[in-house]
C-alpha atoms as a PDB file:
ATOM      1  CA  UNK A   1       0.000   0.000   0.000  1.00  0.00           C
ATOM      2  CA  UNK A   2       1.432   3.322  -1.053  1.00  0.00           C
ATOM      3  CA  UNK A   3       1.587   5.824   1.799  1.00  0.00           C
ATOM      4  CA  UNK A   4       2.614   9.449   2.151  1.00  0.00           C
ATOM      5  CA  UNK A   5       4.719  10.575   5.092  1.00  0.00           C
ATOM      6  CA  UNK A   6       3.264  14.004   5.878  1.00  0.00           C
ATOM      7  CA  UNK A   7       5.504  14.444   8.928  1.00  0.00           C
ATOM      8  CA  UNK A   8       8.613  14.438   6.711  1.00  0.00           C
ATOM      9  CA  UNK A   9       7.086  16.653   4.018  1.00  0.00           C
ATOM     10  CA  UNK A  10       8.915  19.784   2.912  1.00  0.00           C
ATOM     11  CA  UNK A  11       5.949  22.163   3.135  1.00  0.00           C
ATOM     12  CA  UNK A  12       7.936  25.242   2.044  1.00  0.00           C
ATOM     13  CA  UNK A  13       8.954  23.471  -1.167  1.00  0.00           C
ATOM     14  CA  UNK A  14       5.367  22.255  -1.653  1.00  0.00           C
ATOM     15  CA  UNK A  15       4.011  25.807  -1.348  1.00  0.00           C
ATOM     16  CA  UNK A  16       6.686  27.197  -3.634  1.00  0.00           C
ATOM     17  CA  UNK A  17       6.142  24.596  -6.378  1.00  0.00           C
ATOM     18  CA  UNK A  18       2.364  24.945  -6.155  1.00  0.00           C
ATOM     19  CA  UNK A  19       2.519  28.759  -6.253  1.00  0.00           C
ATOM     20  CA  UNK A  20       4.705  28.656  -9.380  1.00  0.00           C
ATOM     21  CA  UNK A  21       2.375  26.155 -11.072  1.00  0.00           C
ATOM     22  CA  UNK A  22      -0.935  27.840 -10.270  1.00  0.00           C
ATOM     23  CA  UNK A  23      -0.025  31.162 -11.896  1.00  0.00           C
ATOM     24  CA  UNK A  24       0.466  29.359 -15.227  1.00  0.00           C
ATOM     25  CA  UNK A  25      -3.174  28.193 -15.299  1.00  0.00           C
ATOM     26  CA  UNK A  26      -5.238  30.731 -17.286  1.00  0.00           C
ATOM     27  CA  UNK A  27      -8.226  32.151 -15.422  1.00  0.00           C
ATOM     28  CA  UNK A  28     -10.351  32.844 -18.484  1.00  0.00           C
ATOM     29  CA  UNK A  29     -10.718  31.466 -21.994  1.00  0.00           C
ATOM     30  CA  UNK A  30     -10.378  27.875 -20.775  1.00  0.00           C
ATOM     31  CA  UNK A  31     -13.030  25.280 -19.966  1.00  0.00           C
ATOM     32  CA  UNK A  32     -13.657  24.694 -16.276  1.00  0.00           C
ATOM     33  CA  UNK A  33     -12.857  20.979 -16.666  1.00  0.00           C
ATOM     34  CA  UNK A  34      -9.508  21.800 -18.255  1.00  0.00           C
ATOM     35  CA  UNK A  35      -8.682  24.321 -15.508  1.00  0.00           C
ATOM     36  CA  UNK A  36      -9.614  21.749 -12.873  1.00  0.00           C
ATOM     37  CA  UNK A  37      -7.441  19.084 -14.561  1.00  0.00           C
ATOM     38  CA  UNK A  38      -4.481  21.493 -14.616  1.00  0.00           C
ATOM     39  CA  UNK A  39      -5.011  22.397 -10.948  1.00  0.00           C
ATOM     40  CA  UNK A  40      -5.048  18.702 -10.043  1.00  0.00           C
ATOM     41  CA  UNK A  41      -1.830  18.185 -11.983  1.00  0.00           C
ATOM     42  CA  UNK A  42      -0.179  21.129 -10.233  1.00  0.00           C
ATOM     43  CA  UNK A  43      -1.165  19.803  -6.802  1.00  0.00           C
ATOM     44  CA  UNK A  44       0.046  16.294  -7.674  1.00  0.00           C
ATOM     45  CA  UNK A  45       3.370  17.614  -9.028  1.00  0.00           C
ATOM     46  CA  UNK A  46       3.957  19.692  -5.906  1.00  0.00           C
ATOM     47  CA  UNK A  47       3.083  16.753  -3.658  1.00  0.00           C
ATOM     48  CA  UNK A  48       5.238  14.269  -5.556  1.00  0.00           C
ATOM     49  CA  UNK A  49       8.316  16.499  -5.261  1.00  0.00           C
ATOM     50  CA  UNK A  50       7.791  17.518  -1.627  1.00  0.00           C
ATOM     51  CA  UNK A  51       6.106  14.663   0.248  1.00  0.00           C
ATOM     52  CA  UNK A  52       8.039  11.392   0.668  1.00  0.00           C
ATOM     53  CA  UNK A  53       6.180   8.234  -0.275  1.00  0.00           C
ATOM     54  CA  UNK A  54       6.870   4.589   0.216  1.00  0.00           C
ATOM     55  CA  UNK A  55       5.426   1.194   0.867  1.00  0.00           C
ATOM     56  CA  UNK A  56       4.695  -0.110   4.305  1.00  0.00           C
ATOM     57  CA  UNK A  57       6.284  -3.522   4.805  1.00  0.00           C
ATOM     58  CA  UNK A  58       4.050  -6.471   5.591  1.00  0.00           C
ATOM     59  CA  UNK A  59       4.166  -6.984   9.333  1.00  0.00           C
ATOM     60  CA  UNK A  60       3.527 -10.365  10.922  1.00  0.00           C
ATOM     61  CA  UNK A  61       3.113 -10.057  14.697  1.00  0.00           C
ATOM     62  CA  UNK A  62       5.541 -12.140  16.788  1.00  0.00           C
ATOM     63  CA  UNK A  63       7.616 -13.207  13.765  1.00  0.00           C
ATOM     64  CA  UNK A  64      10.968 -13.926  15.390  1.00  0.00           C
ATOM     65  CA  UNK A  65      14.058 -15.557  13.862  1.00  0.00           C
ATOM     66  CA  UNK A  66      12.833 -19.102  14.551  1.00  0.00           C
ATOM     67  CA  UNK A  67       9.483 -18.396  12.890  1.00  0.00           C
ATOM     68  CA  UNK A  68      11.199 -16.705   9.948  1.00  0.00           C
ATOM     69  CA  UNK A  69      13.415 -19.786   9.493  1.00  0.00           C
ATOM     70  CA  UNK A  70      10.387 -22.094   9.659  1.00  0.00           C
ATOM     71  CA  UNK A  71       8.498 -19.985   7.146  1.00  0.00           C
ATOM     72  CA  UNK A  72      11.431 -20.024   4.738  1.00  0.00           C
ATOM     73  CA  UNK A  73      11.778 -23.808   5.176  1.00  0.00           C
ATOM     74  CA  UNK A  74       8.050 -24.270   4.476  1.00  0.00           C
ATOM     75  CA  UNK A  75       8.230 -22.087   1.356  1.00  0.00           C
ATOM     76  CA  UNK A  76      11.156 -24.190   0.123  1.00  0.00           C
ATOM     77  CA  UNK A  77       9.690 -27.633   0.890  1.00  0.00           C
ATOM     78  CA  UNK A  78       5.910 -27.215   1.200  1.00  0.00           C
ATOM     79  CA  UNK A  79       5.880 -29.674   4.137  1.00  0.00           C
ATOM     80  CA  UNK A  80       2.602 -29.263   6.110  1.00  0.00           C
ATOM     81  CA  UNK A  81       4.259 -30.457   9.342  1.00  0.00           C
ATOM     82  CA  UNK A  82       6.424 -27.359   9.258  1.00  0.00           C
ATOM     83  CA  UNK A  83       3.297 -25.170   9.137  1.00  0.00           C
ATOM     84  CA  UNK A  84       2.011 -26.787  12.329  1.00  0.00           C
ATOM     85  CA  UNK A  85       5.312 -26.061  14.053  1.00  0.00           C
ATOM     86  CA  UNK A  86       5.304 -22.502  12.656  1.00  0.00           C
ATOM     87  CA  UNK A  87       1.789 -21.832  13.963  1.00  0.00           C
ATOM     88  CA  UNK A  88       2.718 -23.232  17.372  1.00  0.00           C
ATOM     89  CA  UNK A  89       5.838 -21.032  17.462  1.00  0.00           C
ATOM     90  CA  UNK A  90       3.860 -17.928  16.505  1.00  0.00           C
ATOM     91  CA  UNK A  91       1.255 -18.765  19.158  1.00  0.00           C
ATOM     92  CA  UNK A  92       3.933 -19.289  21.826  1.00  0.00           C
ATOM     93  CA  UNK A  93       5.601 -15.987  20.920  1.00  0.00           C
ATOM     94  CA  UNK A  94       2.235 -14.203  21.046  1.00  0.00           C
ATOM     95  CA  UNK A  95       1.423 -15.693  24.437  1.00  0.00           C
ATOM     96  CA  UNK A  96       4.872 -14.767  25.744  1.00  0.00           C
ATOM     97  CA  UNK A  97       4.412 -11.208  24.493  1.00  0.00           C
ATOM     98  CA  UNK A  98       0.967 -10.939  26.089  1.00  0.00           C
ATOM     99  CA  UNK A  99       1.962 -12.722  29.306  1.00  0.00           C
ATOM    100  CA  UNK A 100      -0.532 -15.552  28.751  1.00  0.00           C
ATOM    101  CA  UNK A 101      -0.304 -19.293  29.017  1.00  0.00           C
ATOM    102  CA  UNK A 102      -0.268 -20.984  25.567  1.00  0.00           C
ATOM    103  CA  UNK A 103      -3.405 -22.920  24.662  1.00  0.00           C
ATOM    104  CA  UNK A 104      -3.238 -26.364  23.195  1.00  0.00           C
ATOM    105  CA  UNK A 105      -3.806 -26.353  19.477  1.00  0.00           C
ATOM    106  CA  UNK A 106      -6.379 -28.501  17.749  1.00  0.00           C
ATOM    107  CA  UNK A 107      -3.734 -30.852  16.322  1.00  0.00           C
ATOM    108  CA  UNK A 108      -2.433 -31.640  19.808  1.00  0.00           C
ATOM    109  CA  UNK A 109      -5.954 -32.424  21.005  1.00  0.00           C
ATOM    110  CA  UNK A 110      -6.585 -34.673  18.012  1.00  0.00           C
ATOM    111  CA  UNK A 111      -3.316 -36.501  18.611  1.00  0.00           C
ATOM    112  CA  UNK A 112      -4.245 -37.030  22.274  1.00  0.00           C
ATOM    113  CA  UNK A 113      -7.646 -38.437  21.286  1.00  0.00           C
ATOM    114  CA  UNK A 114      -6.081 -40.857  18.765  1.00  0.00           C
ATOM    115  CA  UNK A 115      -3.649 -42.146  21.431  1.00  0.00           C
ATOM    116  CA  UNK A 116      -6.538 -42.995  23.785  1.00  0.00           C
ATOM    117  CA  UNK A 117      -8.448 -44.981  21.163  1.00  0.00           C
END
């Protein structure tokens, strides 16, 4: 997602560029739609030169080095057992962060039931 960082914007440069661009738009003898299109272009040009933009990285909560390694291993092999371990690691990291006790996952409960039978 493309985002603008208004806190790091150079507002003096923005005003200067916009002021120079607006005076070049004729005030009469031009259709209102054309004047509006030129005003939009002037605002966009001033913003693109003065306001930094960038992409926000995808953030996965509690993704530590172990989880990153497991994710990379899963992407390389496609082994579903690795995904179970990855989910358990993410859950443990989340619980540690929140100060909670980890819950048993569904796979552990299913394995316990199959042992009893």
